[in-house]
């Protein structure tokens, strides 16, 4: 009996998590310009009864690229096939995926900039002419056999559009650049999600979570779940005090900085007197990989004006010193 209840609870939780994703452009919050552009593209394709142009979604993680790919398939009433760039390491891998597509199907490739070069070159012909050339045999006896493909729409997602080769980037008919969300937009995301997971959250509680979500819906939904858990375990209402206590437990401060963010900022300020300090030295000082610091921590600290990148290294700004409750050198203490 206990196992059945556990399975039911797990299924219910998975249902809630899946329900957090909007299923149409009308439900999608934020990215208003991208939504209008994408809506026009899909409506025109439907009216022409033609496969839409290939779509490239570029932007930082957690802004809704995967959700938008699902919405494209839903709006077109076509199936969606999902894969990722790291999973396509040979031209044969891509050929197997492309040959299995049905007419009008939407192919979503996440982190498309991480595809193997041989697969990228095969994708050029597939995107333009809906066919690929398969090499049969080896050596002097190898022959190229053309394989016709069903018309499809490719939706590529990338967090680093600059790493895409120009021939591939130019074959996308529409490129959408997703921006970070405002606090008001995140409040709508949190408010909608709190209703879907059936957790009563006050308006001030919604605003508090939105303010600490770093402009990212994925982070907002994650913080909401942690607040929900905290309120459930301690039998507390979803008000501001509960949100503050829950996020304090999980080391998320008033500006959305987590433990690693503060460690990096503290290292620059306290150990290196505000900088400049090189990336590798900074990574060693906090015990993290340099790639983690550069890709995960730095973008937010730089965007919020707490850290700056100079040719000589990373430097803490005045706001960064003040965030840690310290006075920058050369300035009198109040």
Protein backbone atom coordinates (compact mmCIF):
# COMPACT_ATOMS: atom_id res chain seq x y z
CA UNK A 1 0.00 0.00 0.00
CA UNK A 2 2.84 2.34 0.90
CA UNK A 3 4.54 1.58 -2.43
CA UNK A 4 1.35 2.38 -4.33
CA UNK A 5 1.00 5.70 -2.52
CA UNK A 6 4.65 6.53 -3.22
CA UNK A 7 4.23 5.74 -6.91
CA UNK A 8 1.10 7.87 -7.07
CA UNK A 9 2.87 10.77 -5.37
CA UNK A 10 5.80 10.49 -7.77
CA UNK A 11 3.50 10.43 -10.77
CA UNK A 12 1.62 13.44 -9.45
CA UNK A 13 4.86 15.35 -8.90
CA UNK A 14 6.04 14.55 -12.42
CA UNK A 15 2.69 15.75 -13.70
CA UNK A 16 3.15 19.06 -11.89
CA UNK A 17 6.69 19.47 -13.27
CA UNK A 18 5.52 18.80 -16.81
CA UNK A 19 2.62 21.19 -16.39
CA UNK A 20 5.00 24.04 -15.55
CA UNK A 21 5.98 24.24 -19.22
CA UNK A 22 3.58 26.37 -21.28
CA UNK A 23 2.11 24.57 -24.26
CA UNK A 24 1.40 27.54 -26.54
CA UNK A 25 2.82 30.93 -27.43
CA UNK A 26 -0.15 32.56 -25.72
CA UNK A 27 0.76 30.90 -22.41
CA UNK A 28 4.49 31.62 -22.72
CA UNK A 29 5.54 34.47 -20.42
CA UNK A 30 8.19 36.98 -21.47
CA UNK A 31 10.24 37.23 -24.68
CA UNK A 32 7.41 39.26 -26.24
CA UNK A 33 9.34 40.19 -29.40
CA UNK A 34 10.48 36.63 -30.01
CA UNK A 35 6.93 35.36 -29.47
CA UNK A 36 5.54 37.79 -32.07
CA UNK A 37 8.25 36.90 -34.59
CA UNK A 38 7.83 33.18 -34.04
CA UNK A 39 4.05 33.42 -34.19
CA UNK A 40 4.21 35.19 -37.56
CA UNK A 41 6.61 32.56 -38.90
CA UNK A 42 4.40 29.64 -37.84
CA UNK A 43 1.14 31.26 -38.95
CA UNK A 44 2.55 32.02 -42.40
CA UNK A 45 3.82 28.46 -42.79
CA UNK A 46 0.43 27.07 -41.79
CA UNK A 47 -1.38 29.31 -44.27
CA UNK A 48 1.04 28.30 -47.05
CA UNK A 49 0.82 24.65 -46.01
CA UNK A 50 4.58 24.56 -46.10
CA UNK A 51 7.29 23.48 -43.69
CA UNK A 52 8.50 26.54 -41.69
CA UNK A 53 12.04 27.80 -42.01
CA UNK A 54 14.63 26.33 -39.67
CA UNK A 55 14.82 28.13 -36.32
CA UNK A 56 17.84 28.93 -34.13
CA UNK A 57 17.22 29.81 -30.47
CA UNK A 58 20.21 31.50 -28.83
CA UNK A 59 20.59 32.67 -25.26
CA UNK A 60 21.74 31.79 -21.75
CA UNK A 61 20.53 28.58 -20.08
CA UNK A 62 17.10 28.43 -18.49
CA UNK A 63 15.28 31.05 -20.59
CA UNK A 64 12.90 28.68 -22.40
CA UNK A 65 14.64 27.39 -25.53
CA UNK A 66 13.49 23.79 -25.00
CA UNK A 67 9.99 24.96 -24.12
CA UNK A 68 9.79 27.05 -27.29
CA UNK A 69 10.84 24.06 -29.39
CA UNK A 70 7.97 22.06 -27.88
CA UNK A 71 5.59 24.93 -28.56
CA UNK A 72 6.69 25.04 -32.22
CA UNK A 73 5.75 21.37 -32.63
CA UNK A 74 2.46 21.89 -30.78
CA UNK A 75 1.49 24.93 -32.84
CA UNK A 76 2.27 23.04 -36.06
CA UNK A 77 0.46 19.93 -34.73
CA UNK A 78 3.49 17.84 -35.67
CA UNK A 79 5.59 15.35 -33.64
CA UNK A 80 8.80 16.48 -31.97
CA UNK A 81 12.08 14.54 -32.05
CA UNK A 82 14.62 15.68 -29.44
CA UNK A 83 18.37 15.10 -29.37
CA UNK A 84 21.50 17.06 -28.45
CA UNK A 85 24.76 18.12 -30.06
CA UNK A 86 27.00 16.00 -27.78
CA UNK A 87 24.97 12.91 -28.74
CA UNK A 88 25.76 13.42 -32.44
CA UNK A 89 29.48 12.67 -32.71
CA UNK A 90 29.50 11.01 -36.13
CA UNK A 91 27.81 11.68 -39.46
CA UNK A 92 26.14 8.29 -39.17
CA UNK A 93 24.44 9.35 -35.93
CA UNK A 94 22.87 12.32 -37.68
CA UNK A 95 21.92 10.27 -40.75
CA UNK A 96 20.06 7.80 -38.53
CA UNK A 97 18.11 10.62 -36.87
CA UNK A 98 17.27 12.41 -40.13
CA UNK A 99 16.17 9.28 -42.00
CA UNK A 100 13.69 8.43 -39.23
CA UNK A 101 11.86 11.77 -39.42
CA UNK A 102 8.29 11.86 -40.70
CA UNK A 103 7.04 14.60 -43.08
CA UNK A 104 6.71 17.93 -41.26
CA UNK A 105 8.29 16.64 -38.04
CA UNK A 106 10.19 19.09 -35.81
CA UNK A 107 13.76 18.10 -34.97
CA UNK A 108 15.15 19.79 -31.85
CA UNK A 109 18.94 19.72 -31.34
CA UNK A 110 19.99 21.18 -28.00
CA UNK A 111 23.52 22.62 -27.66
CA UNK A 112 23.84 22.38 -31.42
CA UNK A 113 27.25 24.07 -31.36
CA UNK A 114 28.69 20.89 -29.80
CA UNK A 115 27.97 18.65 -32.80
CA UNK A 116 30.87 16.90 -34.52
CA UNK A 117 32.24 18.71 -37.56
CA UNK A 118 31.45 15.81 -39.91
CA UNK A 119 27.82 15.87 -38.75
CA UNK A 120 27.63 19.64 -39.23
CA UNK A 121 28.73 19.32 -42.83
CA UNK A 122 26.09 16.66 -43.47
CA UNK A 123 23.48 18.92 -41.88
CA UNK A 124 24.16 21.71 -44.42
CA UNK A 125 22.74 19.68 -47.31
CA UNK A 126 19.92 18.25 -45.21
CA UNK A 127 18.70 21.71 -44.18
CA UNK A 128 18.78 23.12 -47.71
CA UNK A 129 17.77 20.25 -49.98
CA UNK A 130 16.34 17.66 -47.55
CA UNK A 131 18.79 14.99 -48.59
CA UNK A 132 22.10 13.57 -47.41
CA UNK A 133 24.90 11.64 -49.07
CA UNK A 134 25.81 8.35 -47.41
CA UNK A 135 29.24 6.87 -48.07
CA UNK A 136 29.11 3.13 -48.75
CA UNK A 137 32.29 1.09 -48.67
CA UNK A 138 35.87 2.10 -47.93
CA UNK A 139 38.93 3.21 -49.81
CA UNK A 140 38.94 3.41 -53.61
CA UNK A 141 35.70 1.45 -53.84
CA UNK A 142 33.68 3.85 -51.67
CA UNK A 143 30.64 5.36 -53.34
CA UNK A 144 28.24 8.13 -52.35
CA UNK A 145 24.58 7.18 -52.20
CA UNK A 146 22.04 10.06 -52.00
CA UNK A 147 19.28 9.61 -49.42
CA UNK A 148 16.10 11.65 -49.78
CA UNK A 149 14.64 13.02 -46.53
CA UNK A 150 11.13 14.04 -45.56
CA UNK A 151 10.71 17.82 -45.24
CA UNK A 152 11.32 18.79 -41.61
CA UNK A 153 11.87 21.86 -39.44
CA UNK A 154 15.11 22.03 -37.47
CA UNK A 155 15.03 23.93 -34.18
CA UNK A 156 18.55 24.41 -32.86
CA UNK A 157 19.32 25.74 -29.39
CA UNK A 158 22.66 27.13 -28.31
CA UNK A 159 24.06 28.98 -25.33
CA UNK A 160 27.10 30.05 -27.37
CA UNK A 161 25.98 31.22 -30.80
CA UNK A 162 29.48 32.51 -31.57
CA UNK A 163 30.77 28.93 -31.72
CA UNK A 164 28.46 28.02 -34.61
CA UNK A 165 30.24 28.00 -37.99
CA UNK A 166 28.93 30.63 -40.40
CA UNK A 167 27.67 28.12 -43.02
CA UNK A 168 25.46 26.48 -40.41
CA UNK A 169 24.23 29.72 -38.84
CA UNK A 170 23.33 31.16 -42.27
CA UNK A 171 21.06 28.21 -43.07
CA UNK A 172 18.61 29.09 -40.30
CA UNK A 173 15.76 31.16 -41.66
CA UNK A 174 15.01 32.73 -38.26
CA UNK A 175 17.32 33.38 -35.33
CA UNK A 176 15.81 34.32 -31.96
CA UNK A 177 17.97 35.86 -29.25
CA UNK A 178 16.40 35.25 -25.85
CA UNK A 179 16.94 37.89 -23.17
CA UNK A 180 16.93 37.70 -19.38
CA UNK A 181 13.54 38.26 -17.76
CA UNK A 182 12.47 41.29 -15.74
CA UNK A 183 11.25 40.88 -12.16
CA UNK A 184 7.67 41.55 -13.29
CA UNK A 185 7.86 38.80 -15.92
CA UNK A 186 9.37 36.38 -13.41
CA UNK A 187 6.58 37.21 -10.97
CA UNK A 188 4.09 36.05 -13.60
CA UNK A 189 6.10 32.84 -14.09
CA UNK A 190 6.19 32.16 -10.34
CA UNK A 191 2.52 33.02 -9.87
CA UNK A 192 1.47 30.66 -12.65
CA UNK A 193 3.71 27.86 -11.40
CA UNK A 194 2.55 28.19 -7.78
CA UNK A 195 -1.03 27.59 -8.89
CA UNK A 196 -0.04 24.58 -10.97
CA UNK A 197 1.79 22.92 -8.06
CA UNK A 198 -1.08 23.92 -5.74
CA UNK A 199 0.99 25.98 -3.34
CA UNK A 200 -0.66 29.14 -2.05
CA UNK A 201 1.88 31.94 -2.31
CA UNK A 202 1.24 35.55 -1.30
CA UNK A 203 1.88 38.36 -3.75
CA UNK A 204 4.84 39.56 -1.70
CA UNK A 205 6.18 35.99 -1.61
CA UNK A 206 5.93 35.80 -5.40
CA UNK A 207 7.83 39.08 -5.74
CA UNK A 208 10.51 37.90 -3.31
CA UNK A 209 11.20 34.74 -5.31
CA UNK A 210 11.16 36.65 -8.61
CA UNK A 211 13.67 39.19 -7.28
CA UNK A 212 16.16 36.47 -6.38
CA UNK A 213 15.83 34.41 -9.56
CA UNK A 214 18.62 36.04 -11.57
CA UNK A 215 16.32 36.85 -14.49
CA UNK A 216 15.90 33.14 -15.26
CA UNK A 217 12.58 31.21 -15.20
CA UNK A 218 14.32 27.87 -14.57
CA UNK A 219 15.86 29.26 -11.38
CA UNK A 220 12.53 30.82 -10.38
CA UNK A 221 10.75 27.46 -10.66
CA UNK A 222 13.53 25.73 -8.74
CA UNK A 223 13.39 28.25 -5.88
CA UNK A 224 9.61 27.97 -5.81
CA UNK A 225 9.83 24.21 -5.30
CA UNK A 226 12.29 24.66 -2.43
CA UNK A 227 10.00 27.21 -0.77
CA UNK A 228 7.07 24.82 -1.26
CA UNK A 229 9.05 22.03 0.43
CA UNK A 230 10.03 24.30 3.32
CA UNK A 231 6.45 25.44 3.88
CA UNK A 232 5.17 21.86 3.69
CA UNK A 233 7.68 20.45 6.19
CA UNK A 234 7.31 23.30 8.69
CA UNK A 235 3.56 23.81 8.09
CA UNK A 236 4.00 27.48 7.19
CA UNK A 237 2.03 29.71 4.82
CA UNK A 238 3.56 30.89 1.57
CA UNK A 239 4.31 34.44 2.74
CA UNK A 240 7.44 36.57 2.57
CA UNK A 241 8.88 35.31 5.86
CA UNK A 242 8.61 31.70 4.69
CA UNK A 243 10.28 32.56 1.37
CA UNK A 244 13.11 34.38 3.14
CA UNK A 245 13.67 31.55 5.62
CA UNK A 246 13.65 28.89 2.89
CA UNK A 247 16.06 30.74 0.62
CA UNK A 248 18.35 31.53 3.57
CA UNK A 249 18.51 27.79 4.25
CA UNK A 250 19.59 27.19 0.65
CA UNK A 251 22.18 30.02 0.70
CA UNK A 252 20.39 32.32 -1.75
CA UNK A 253 20.85 35.93 -0.66
CA UNK A 254 18.80 39.06 -1.40
CA UNK A 255 20.47 39.58 -4.78
CA UNK A 256 20.16 35.95 -5.89
CA UNK A 257 23.80 35.07 -5.21
CA UNK A 258 24.38 31.51 -4.04
CA UNK A 259 27.27 30.02 -2.07
CA UNK A 260 29.65 29.73 -5.03
CA UNK A 261 28.90 33.26 -6.24
CA UNK A 262 29.76 34.70 -2.84
CA UNK A 263 32.88 32.54 -2.55
CA UNK A 264 34.20 33.86 -5.86
CA UNK A 265 33.37 37.46 -5.01
CA UNK A 266 34.86 37.09 -1.51
CA UNK A 267 38.04 35.57 -2.96
CA UNK A 268 38.55 38.54 -5.29
CA UNK A 269 37.88 41.07 -2.53
CA UNK A 270 39.53 39.47 0.49
CA UNK A 271 42.35 37.31 -0.89
CA UNK A 272 43.37 39.48 -3.84
CA UNK A 273 42.41 42.92 -2.49
CA UNK A 274 39.80 43.46 -5.18
CA UNK A 275 41.92 42.20 -8.09
CA UNK A 276 42.92 41.98 -10.80
CA UNK A 277 43.22 38.20 -10.57
CA UNK A 278 43.48 35.63 -13.35
CA UNK A 279 40.78 33.05 -13.99
CA UNK A 280 42.94 30.01 -13.24
CA UNK A 281 44.23 31.52 -10.00
CA UNK A 282 40.70 32.43 -8.95
CA UNK A 283 39.45 28.91 -9.71
CA UNK A 284 42.20 27.32 -7.61
CA UNK A 285 41.47 29.66 -4.71
CA UNK A 286 37.83 28.55 -4.48
CA UNK A 287 38.42 24.90 -5.42
CA UNK A 288 36.35 24.92 -8.62
CA UNK A 289 37.04 24.31 -12.30
CA UNK A 290 37.92 27.39 -14.33
CA UNK A 291 35.14 26.52 -16.84
CA UNK A 292 32.57 26.54 -14.03
CA UNK A 293 33.68 29.97 -12.86
CA UNK A 294 33.67 31.38 -16.39
CA UNK A 295 30.40 29.86 -17.61
CA UNK A 296 28.26 29.71 -14.46
CA UNK A 297 29.42 32.32 -11.95
CA UNK A 298 30.99 35.19 -13.87
CA UNK A 299 28.11 36.06 -16.23
CA UNK A 300 25.75 36.87 -13.36
CA UNK A 301 28.34 38.75 -11.28
CA UNK A 302 29.35 40.82 -14.30
CA UNK A 303 25.74 41.45 -15.36
CA UNK A 304 24.81 42.71 -11.88
CA UNK A 305 27.85 44.97 -11.74
CA UNK A 306 29.58 43.19 -8.86
CA UNK A 307 32.57 42.04 -10.91
CA UNK A 308 34.30 43.28 -14.05
CA UNK A 309 36.58 41.57 -16.53
CA UNK A 310 39.69 43.43 -17.61
CA UNK A 311 42.68 42.45 -19.79
CA UNK A 312 44.65 41.91 -16.58
CA UNK A 313 42.02 39.76 -14.86
CA UNK A 314 38.88 39.90 -12.75
CA UNK A 315 38.27 43.00 -10.61
CA UNK A 316 35.64 43.58 -7.93
CA UNK A 317 33.61 46.75 -8.46
CA UNK A 318 32.60 49.15 -5.71
CA UNK A 319 29.18 47.49 -5.65
CA UNK A 320 30.91 44.13 -5.16
CA UNK A 321 32.82 45.43 -2.13
CA UNK A 322 29.68 46.94 -0.68
CA UNK A 323 27.68 43.75 -1.23
CA UNK A 324 30.09 42.01 1.14
CA UNK A 325 29.82 44.87 3.63
CA UNK A 326 33.33 46.15 2.93
CA UNK A 327 34.77 49.51 1.88
CA UNK A 328 36.89 49.67 -1.30
CA UNK A 329 40.49 50.83 -0.77
CA UNK A 330 40.93 54.59 -0.94
CA UNK A 331 37.39 55.38 0.17
CA UNK A 332 36.59 56.60 3.68
CA UNK A 333 34.42 54.38 5.85
CA UNK A 334 31.03 55.81 6.72
